[in-house]
């Protein structure tokens, strides 16, 4: 089983890196952009876990304890076989 984890800043949290990306894109001629927000993507192999519910719990625990800052970030987990 594999986990794909998307981590993004919560709504309302300023995203200076996203703002810089938006400014750079505008400077390169990509006009008409709205707000740009950035995040991170983490992929983890889970070879020893076959139960989807157990995998979701394990990955969510990883996110809460290390991968995401629960104060400023939200995360979404997608599992595939």
PDB file of N, CA and C in Angstrom:
ATOM      1  N   UNK A   1       0.850  -1.171   0.000  1.00  0.00           N
ATOM      2  CA  UNK A   1       0.000   0.000   0.000  1.00  0.00           C
ATOM      3  C   UNK A   1       0.899   1.239   0.000  1.00  0.00           C
ATOM      4  N   UNK A   2       0.415   2.290  -0.674  1.00  0.00           N
ATOM      5  CA  UNK A   2       1.146   3.550  -0.719  1.00  0.00           C
ATOM      6  C   UNK A   2       0.252   4.670  -0.219  1.00  0.00           C
ATOM      7  N   UNK A   3       0.867   5.626   0.459  1.00  0.00           N
ATOM      8  CA  UNK A   3       0.148   6.800   0.938  1.00  0.00           C
ATOM      9  C   UNK A   3       0.669   8.022   0.205  1.00  0.00           C
ATOM     10  N   UNK A   4      -0.243   8.842  -0.239  1.00  0.00           N
ATOM     11  CA  UNK A   4       0.081  10.124  -0.855  1.00  0.00           C
ATOM     12  C   UNK A   4      -0.524  11.192   0.044  1.00  0.00           C
ATOM     13  N   UNK A   5       0.320  12.058   0.585  1.00  0.00           N
ATOM     14  CA  UNK A   5      -0.111  13.033   1.578  1.00  0.00           C
ATOM     15  C   UNK A   5       0.091  14.436   1.019  1.00  0.00           C
ATOM     16  N   UNK A   6      -0.990  15.208   0.964  1.00  0.00           N
ATOM     17  CA  UNK A   6      -0.922  16.608   0.558  1.00  0.00           C
ATOM     18  C   UNK A   6      -1.023  17.457   1.824  1.00  0.00           C
ATOM     19  N   UNK A   7      -0.077  18.368   1.982  1.00  0.00           N
ATOM     20  CA  UNK A   7      -0.058  19.246   3.149  1.00  0.00           C
ATOM     21  C   UNK A   7      -0.110  20.680   2.647  1.00  0.00           C
ATOM     22  N   UNK A   8      -1.067  21.437   3.162  1.00  0.00           N
ATOM     23  CA  UNK A   8      -1.247  22.834   2.748  1.00  0.00           C
ATOM     24  C   UNK A   8      -1.502  23.703   3.966  1.00  0.00           C
ATOM     25  N   UNK A   9      -1.159  24.982   3.819  1.00  0.00           N
ATOM     26  CA  UNK A   9      -1.463  25.925   4.881  1.00  0.00           C
ATOM     27  C   UNK A   9      -2.976  26.065   5.018  1.00  0.00           C
ATOM     28  N   UNK A  10      -3.441  26.228   6.247  1.00  0.00           N
ATOM     29  CA  UNK A  10      -4.869  26.408   6.488  1.00  0.00           C
ATOM     30  C   UNK A  10      -5.335  27.713   5.856  1.00  0.00           C
ATOM     31  N   UNK A  11      -6.620  27.753   5.517  1.00  0.00           N
ATOM     32  CA  UNK A  11      -7.222  28.973   4.999  1.00  0.00           C
ATOM     33  C   UNK A  11      -7.045  30.080   6.035  1.00  0.00           C
ATOM     34  N   UNK A  12      -6.643  31.237   5.574  1.00  0.00           N
ATOM     35  CA  UNK A  12      -6.444  32.371   6.473  1.00  0.00           C
ATOM     36  C   UNK A  12      -5.006  32.541   6.937  1.00  0.00           C
ATOM     37  N   UNK A  13      -4.181  31.521   6.748  1.00  0.00           N
ATOM     38  CA  UNK A  13      -2.757  31.619   7.094  1.00  0.00           C
ATOM     39  C   UNK A  13      -2.035  32.233   5.895  1.00  0.00           C
ATOM     40  N   UNK A  14      -1.257  33.275   6.147  1.00  0.00           N
ATOM     41  CA  UNK A  14      -0.515  33.914   5.067  1.00  0.00           C
ATOM     42  C   UNK A  14       0.467  32.929   4.437  1.00  0.00           C
ATOM     43  N   UNK A  15       0.600  33.014   3.116  1.00  0.00           N
ATOM     44  CA  UNK A  15       1.468  32.109   2.369  1.00  0.00           C
ATOM     45  C   UNK A  15       2.469  32.943   1.566  1.00  0.00           C
ATOM     46  N   UNK A  16       3.561  33.385   2.205  1.00  0.00           N
ATOM     47  CA  UNK A  16       4.520  34.232   1.495  1.00  0.00           C
ATOM     48  C   UNK A  16       5.188  33.526   0.316  1.00  0.00           C
ATOM     49  N   UNK A  17       5.402  32.231   0.413  1.00  0.00           N
ATOM     50  CA  UNK A  17       6.008  31.503  -0.701  1.00  0.00           C
ATOM     51  C   UNK A  17       5.041  31.452  -1.884  1.00  0.00           C
ATOM     52  N   UNK A  18       3.777  31.222  -1.615  1.00  0.00           N
ATOM     53  CA  UNK A  18       2.771  31.244  -2.680  1.00  0.00           C
ATOM     54  C   UNK A  18       2.688  32.618  -3.328  1.00  0.00           C
ATOM     55  N   UNK A  19       2.767  33.675  -2.513  1.00  0.00           N
ATOM     56  CA  UNK A  19       2.743  35.042  -3.031  1.00  0.00           C
ATOM     57  C   UNK A  19       3.954  35.293  -3.935  1.00  0.00           C
ATOM     58  N   UNK A  20       5.132  34.799  -3.538  1.00  0.00           N
ATOM     59  CA  UNK A  20       6.341  34.953  -4.353  1.00  0.00           C
ATOM     60  C   UNK A  20       6.205  34.196  -5.670  1.00  0.00           C
ATOM     61  N   UNK A  21       5.627  33.003  -5.626  1.00  0.00           N
ATOM     62  CA  UNK A  21       5.413  32.220  -6.845  1.00  0.00           C
ATOM     63  C   UNK A  21       4.460  32.966  -7.777  1.00  0.00           C
ATOM     64  N   UNK A  22       3.374  33.502  -7.214  1.00  0.00           N
ATOM     65  CA  UNK A  22       2.413  34.260  -8.012  1.00  0.00           C
ATOM     66  C   UNK A  22       3.066  35.478  -8.656  1.00  0.00           C
ATOM     67  N   UNK A  23       3.921  36.182  -7.897  1.00  0.00           N
ATOM     68  CA  UNK A  23       4.624  37.337  -8.441  1.00  0.00           C
ATOM     69  C   UNK A  23       5.579  36.956  -9.554  1.00  0.00           C
ATOM     70  N   UNK A  24       6.277  35.845  -9.380  1.00  0.00           N
ATOM     71  CA  UNK A  24       7.206  35.378 -10.409  1.00  0.00           C
ATOM     72  C   UNK A  24       6.456  34.965 -11.674  1.00  0.00           C
ATOM     73  N   UNK A  25       5.329  34.285 -11.520  1.00  0.00           N
ATOM     74  CA  UNK A  25       4.539  33.891 -12.685  1.00  0.00           C
ATOM     75  C   UNK A  25       4.022  35.122 -13.427  1.00  0.00           C
ATOM     76  N   UNK A  26       3.546  36.130 -12.682  1.00  0.00           N
ATOM     77  CA  UNK A  26       3.075  37.372 -13.304  1.00  0.00           C
ATOM     78  C   UNK A  26       4.222  38.057 -14.042  1.00  0.00           C
ATOM     79  N   UNK A  27       5.407  38.049 -13.433  1.00  0.00           N
ATOM     80  CA  UNK A  27       6.580  38.651 -14.069  1.00  0.00           C
ATOM     81  C   UNK A  27       6.997  37.943 -15.343  1.00  0.00           C
ATOM     82  N   UNK A  28       6.622  36.678 -15.457  1.00  0.00           N
ATOM     83  CA  UNK A  28       6.936  35.896 -16.659  1.00  0.00           C
ATOM     84  C   UNK A  28       5.836  35.988 -17.718  1.00  0.00           C
ATOM     85  N   UNK A  29       4.843  36.846 -17.446  1.00  0.00           N
ATOM     86  CA  UNK A  29       3.798  37.072 -18.437  1.00  0.00           C
ATOM     87  C   UNK A  29       2.527  36.275 -18.251  1.00  0.00           C
ATOM     88  N   UNK A  30       2.410  35.551 -17.176  1.00  0.00           N
ATOM     89  CA  UNK A  30       1.191  34.778 -16.912  1.00  0.00           C
ATOM     90  C   UNK A  30       0.216  35.666 -16.144  1.00  0.00           C
ATOM     91  N   UNK A  31      -0.565  36.429 -16.897  1.00  0.00           N
ATOM     92  CA  UNK A  31      -1.461  37.421 -16.303  1.00  0.00           C
ATOM     93  C   UNK A  31      -2.784  36.784 -15.896  1.00  0.00           C
ATOM     94  N   UNK A  32      -3.508  37.514 -15.077  1.00  0.00           N
ATOM     95  CA  UNK A  32      -4.851  37.101 -14.706  1.00  0.00           C
ATOM     96  C   UNK A  32      -4.920  36.023 -13.646  1.00  0.00           C
ATOM     97  N   UNK A  33      -3.846  35.845 -12.888  1.00  0.00           N
ATOM     98  CA  UNK A  33      -3.852  34.823 -11.836  1.00  0.00           C
ATOM     99  C   UNK A  33      -4.523  35.370 -10.578  1.00  0.00           C
ATOM    100  N   UNK A  34      -5.220  34.496  -9.901  1.00  0.00           N
ATOM    101  CA  UNK A  34      -5.743  34.834  -8.583  1.00  0.00           C
ATOM    102  C   UNK A  34      -4.689  34.489  -7.540  1.00  0.00           C
ATOM    103  N   UNK A  35      -5.148  34.193  -6.357  1.00  0.00           N
ATOM    104  CA  UNK A  35      -4.236  33.833  -5.273  1.00  0.00           C
ATOM    105  C   UNK A  35      -3.501  32.531  -5.608  1.00  0.00           C
ATOM    106  N   UNK A  36      -2.220  32.488  -5.300  1.00  0.00           N
ATOM    107  CA  UNK A  36      -1.414  31.281  -5.475  1.00  0.00           C
ATOM    108  C   UNK A  36      -1.015  30.787  -4.100  1.00  0.00           C
ATOM    109  N   UNK A  37      -1.252  29.514  -3.826  1.00  0.00           N
ATOM    110  CA  UNK A  37      -0.863  28.914  -2.554  1.00  0.00           C
ATOM    111  C   UNK A  37      -0.021  27.685  -2.867  1.00  0.00           C
ATOM    112  N   UNK A  38       0.972  27.443  -2.065  1.00  0.00           N
ATOM    113  CA  UNK A  38       1.847  26.294  -2.274  1.00  0.00           C
ATOM    114  C   UNK A  38       1.685  25.315  -1.121  1.00  0.00           C
ATOM    115  N   UNK A  39       2.133  24.110  -1.349  1.00  0.00           N
ATOM    116  CA  UNK A  39       2.066  23.083  -0.323  1.00  0.00           C
ATOM    117  C   UNK A  39       3.168  22.072  -0.563  1.00  0.00           C
ATOM    118  N   UNK A  40       3.026  20.932   0.084  1.00  0.00           N
ATOM    119  CA  UNK A  40       4.014  19.871  -0.126  1.00  0.00           C
ATOM    120  C   UNK A  40       3.297  18.540  -0.328  1.00  0.00           C
ATOM    121  N   UNK A  41       3.969  17.668  -1.040  1.00  0.00           N
ATOM    122  CA  UNK A  41       3.451  16.338  -1.328  1.00  0.00           C
ATOM    123  C   UNK A  41       4.465  15.330  -0.822  1.00  0.00           C
ATOM    124  N   UNK A  42       3.992  14.376  -0.039  1.00  0.00           N
ATOM    125  CA  UNK A  42       4.858  13.322   0.497  1.00  0.00           C
ATOM    126  C   UNK A  42       4.240  11.984   0.106  1.00  0.00           C
ATOM    127  N   UNK A  43       5.064  11.083  -0.420  1.00  0.00           N
ATOM    128  CA  UNK A  43       4.608   9.738  -0.761  1.00  0.00           C
ATOM    129  C   UNK A  43       5.378   8.745   0.097  1.00  0.00           C
ATOM    130  N   UNK A  44       4.644   7.823   0.701  1.00  0.00           N
ATOM    131  CA  UNK A  44       5.250   6.842   1.607  1.00  0.00           C
ATOM    132  C   UNK A  44       4.769   5.446   1.217  1.00  0.00           C
ATOM    133  N   UNK A  45       5.708   4.516   1.060  1.00  0.00           N
ATOM    134  CA  UNK A  45       5.361   3.102   0.875  1.00  0.00           C
ATOM    135  C   UNK A  45       5.058   2.500   2.241  1.00  0.00           C
ATOM    136  N   UNK A  46       4.008   1.705   2.304  1.00  0.00           N
ATOM    137  CA  UNK A  46       3.614   1.018   3.540  1.00  0.00           C
ATOM    138  C   UNK A  46       3.534  -0.482   3.259  1.00  0.00           C
ATOM    139  N   UNK A  47       4.664  -1.143   3.027  1.00  0.00           N
ATOM    140  CA  UNK A  47       4.627  -2.547   2.600  1.00  0.00           C
ATOM    141  C   UNK A  47       4.078  -3.512   3.644  1.00  0.00           C
ATOM    142  N   UNK A  48       4.183  -3.185   4.914  1.00  0.00           N
ATOM    143  CA  UNK A  48       3.733  -4.106   5.952  1.00  0.00           C
ATOM    144  C   UNK A  48       2.290  -3.929   6.361  1.00  0.00           C
ATOM    145  N   UNK A  49       1.596  -2.947   5.777  1.00  0.00           N
ATOM    146  CA  UNK A  49       0.212  -2.677   6.170  1.00  0.00           C
ATOM    147  C   UNK A  49      -0.702  -2.999   4.995  1.00  0.00           C
ATOM    148  N   UNK A  50      -1.676  -3.884   5.232  1.00  0.00           N
ATOM    149  CA  UNK A  50      -2.616  -4.258   4.173  1.00  0.00           C
ATOM    150  C   UNK A  50      -4.035  -3.783   4.466  1.00  0.00           C
ATOM    151  N   UNK A  51      -4.324  -3.453   5.705  1.00  0.00           N
ATOM    152  CA  UNK A  51      -5.653  -2.980   6.098  1.00  0.00           C
ATOM    153  C   UNK A  51      -5.743  -1.477   5.870  1.00  0.00           C
ATOM    154  N   UNK A  52      -6.709  -1.047   5.056  1.00  0.00           N
ATOM    155  CA  UNK A  52      -6.821   0.369   4.693  1.00  0.00           C
ATOM    156  C   UNK A  52      -7.095   1.257   5.901  1.00  0.00           C
ATOM    157  N   UNK A  53      -7.976   0.824   6.799  1.00  0.00           N
ATOM    158  CA  UNK A  53      -8.291   1.625   7.986  1.00  0.00           C
ATOM    159  C   UNK A  53      -7.060   1.785   8.867  1.00  0.00           C
ATOM    160  N   UNK A  54      -6.295   0.718   9.029  1.00  0.00           N
ATOM    161  CA  UNK A  54      -5.070   0.785   9.835  1.00  0.00           C
ATOM    162  C   UNK A  54      -4.055   1.715   9.177  1.00  0.00           C
ATOM    163  N   UNK A  55      -3.965   1.657   7.852  1.00  0.00           N
ATOM    164  CA  UNK A  55      -3.033   2.523   7.124  1.00  0.00           C
ATOM    165  C   UNK A  55      -3.427   3.988   7.294  1.00  0.00           C
ATOM    166  N   UNK A  56      -4.732   4.285   7.188  1.00  0.00           N
ATOM    167  CA  UNK A  56      -5.202   5.661   7.362  1.00  0.00           C
ATOM    168  C   UNK A  56      -4.864   6.182   8.756  1.00  0.00           C
ATOM    169  N   UNK A  57      -5.076   5.361   9.768  1.00  0.00           N
ATOM    170  CA  UNK A  57      -4.757   5.764  11.138  1.00  0.00           C
ATOM    171  C   UNK A  57      -3.264   5.993  11.320  1.00  0.00           C
ATOM    172  N   UNK A  58      -2.451   5.107  10.777  1.00  0.00           N
ATOM    173  CA  UNK A  58      -0.996   5.216  10.907  1.00  0.00           C
ATOM    174  C   UNK A  58      -0.472   6.476  10.224  1.00  0.00           C
ATOM    175  N   UNK A  59      -0.938   6.718   9.005  1.00  0.00           N
ATOM    176  CA  UNK A  59      -0.469   7.886   8.262  1.00  0.00           C
ATOM    177  C   UNK A  59      -0.974   9.176   8.910  1.00  0.00           C
ATOM    178  N   UNK A  60      -2.209   9.195   9.379  1.00  0.00           N
ATOM    179  CA  UNK A  60      -2.724  10.377  10.067  1.00  0.00           C
ATOM    180  C   UNK A  60      -1.901  10.671  11.321  1.00  0.00           C
ATOM    181  N   UNK A  61      -1.496   9.628  12.043  1.00  0.00           N
ATOM    182  CA  UNK A  61      -0.644   9.815  13.231  1.00  0.00           C
ATOM    183  C   UNK A  61       0.712  10.406  12.827  1.00  0.00           C
ATOM    184  N   UNK A  62       1.266   9.930  11.693  1.00  0.00           N
ATOM    185  CA  UNK A  62       2.535  10.483  11.193  1.00  0.00           C
ATOM    186  C   UNK A  62       2.380  11.972  10.896  1.00  0.00           C
ATOM    187  N   UNK A  63       1.258  12.322  10.290  1.00  0.00           N
ATOM    188  CA  UNK A  63       1.021  13.719   9.938  1.00  0.00           C
ATOM    189  C   UNK A  63       0.883  14.594  11.178  1.00  0.00           C
ATOM    190  N   UNK A  64       0.123  14.115  12.154  1.00  0.00           N
ATOM    191  CA  UNK A  64      -0.094  14.911  13.365  1.00  0.00           C
ATOM    192  C   UNK A  64       1.170  15.066  14.204  1.00  0.00           C
ATOM    193  N   UNK A  65       2.059  14.082  14.166  1.00  0.00           N
ATOM    194  CA  UNK A  65       3.234  14.129  15.031  1.00  0.00           C
ATOM    195  C   UNK A  65       4.489  14.688  14.366  1.00  0.00           C
ATOM    196  N   UNK A  66       4.580  14.623  13.019  1.00  0.00           N
ATOM    197  CA  UNK A  66       5.816  15.077  12.378  1.00  0.00           C
ATOM    198  C   UNK A  66       5.612  15.793  11.053  1.00  0.00           C
ATOM    199  N   UNK A  67       4.811  15.243  10.176  1.00  0.00           N
ATOM    200  CA  UNK A  67       4.788  15.723   8.797  1.00  0.00           C
ATOM    201  C   UNK A  67       4.075  17.062   8.612  1.00  0.00           C
ATOM    202  N   UNK A  68       3.045  17.331   9.394  1.00  0.00           N
ATOM    203  CA  UNK A  68       2.288  18.578   9.271  1.00  0.00           C
ATOM    204  C   UNK A  68       2.239  19.284  10.621  1.00  0.00           C
ATOM    205  N   UNK A  69       2.188  20.599  10.560  1.00  0.00           N
ATOM    206  CA  UNK A  69       2.011  21.393  11.775  1.00  0.00           C
ATOM    207  C   UNK A  69       0.510  21.583  11.969  1.00  0.00           C
ATOM    208  N   UNK A  70      -0.089  20.936  12.955  1.00  0.00           N
ATOM    209  CA  UNK A  70      -1.547  20.986  13.097  1.00  0.00           C
ATOM    210  C   UNK A  70      -2.095  22.381  13.397  1.00  0.00           C
ATOM    211  N   UNK A  71      -1.252  23.292  13.824  1.00  0.00           N
ATOM    212  CA  UNK A  71      -1.699  24.651  14.109  1.00  0.00           C
ATOM    213  C   UNK A  71      -1.895  25.442  12.811  1.00  0.00           C
ATOM    214  N   UNK A  72      -1.008  25.245  11.841  1.00  0.00           N
ATOM    215  CA  UNK A  72      -1.043  26.068  10.633  1.00  0.00           C
ATOM    216  C   UNK A  72      -1.347  25.297   9.354  1.00  0.00           C
ATOM    217  N   UNK A  73      -1.330  23.962   9.396  1.00  0.00           N
ATOM    218  CA  UNK A  73      -1.475  23.180   8.166  1.00  0.00           C
ATOM    219  C   UNK A  73      -2.596  22.151   8.253  1.00  0.00           C
ATOM    220  N   UNK A  74      -3.206  21.904   7.113  1.00  0.00           N
ATOM    221  CA  UNK A  74      -4.159  20.811   6.940  1.00  0.00           C
ATOM    222  C   UNK A  74      -3.493  19.743   6.086  1.00  0.00           C
ATOM    223  N   UNK A  75      -3.938  18.509   6.234  1.00  0.00           N
ATOM    224  CA  UNK A  75      -3.401  17.445   5.396  1.00  0.00           C
ATOM    225  C   UNK A  75      -4.530  16.578   4.873  1.00  0.00           C
ATOM    226  N   UNK A  76      -4.258  15.941   3.736  1.00  0.00           N
ATOM    227  CA  UNK A  76      -5.199  15.011   3.121  1.00  0.00           C
ATOM    228  C   UNK A  76      -4.401  13.775   2.710  1.00  0.00           C
ATOM    229  N   UNK A  77      -4.942  12.606   3.039  1.00  0.00           N
ATOM    230  CA  UNK A  77      -4.262  11.346   2.754  1.00  0.00           C
ATOM    231  C   UNK A  77      -5.048  10.586   1.700  1.00  0.00           C
ATOM    232  N   UNK A  78      -4.324  10.067   0.708  1.00  0.00           N
ATOM    233  CA  UNK A  78      -4.897   9.212  -0.324  1.00  0.00           C
ATOM    234  C   UNK A  78      -4.109   7.911  -0.315  1.00  0.00           C
ATOM    235  N   UNK A  79      -4.805   6.789  -0.183  1.00  0.00           N
ATOM    236  CA  UNK A  79      -4.142   5.477  -0.161  1.00  0.00           C
ATOM    237  C   UNK A  79      -4.421   4.743  -1.465  1.00  0.00           C
ATOM    238  N   UNK A  80      -3.376   4.045  -1.959  1.00  0.00           N
ATOM    239  CA  UNK A  80      -3.533   3.208  -3.141  1.00  0.00           C
ATOM    240  C   UNK A  80      -2.871   1.856  -2.873  1.00  0.00           C
ATOM    241  N   UNK A  81      -3.335   0.853  -3.582  1.00  0.00           N
ATOM    242  CA  UNK A  81      -2.759  -0.500  -3.416  1.00  0.00           C
ATOM    243  C   UNK A  81      -1.478  -0.639  -4.183  1.00  0.00           C
TER     244      UNK A  81
END
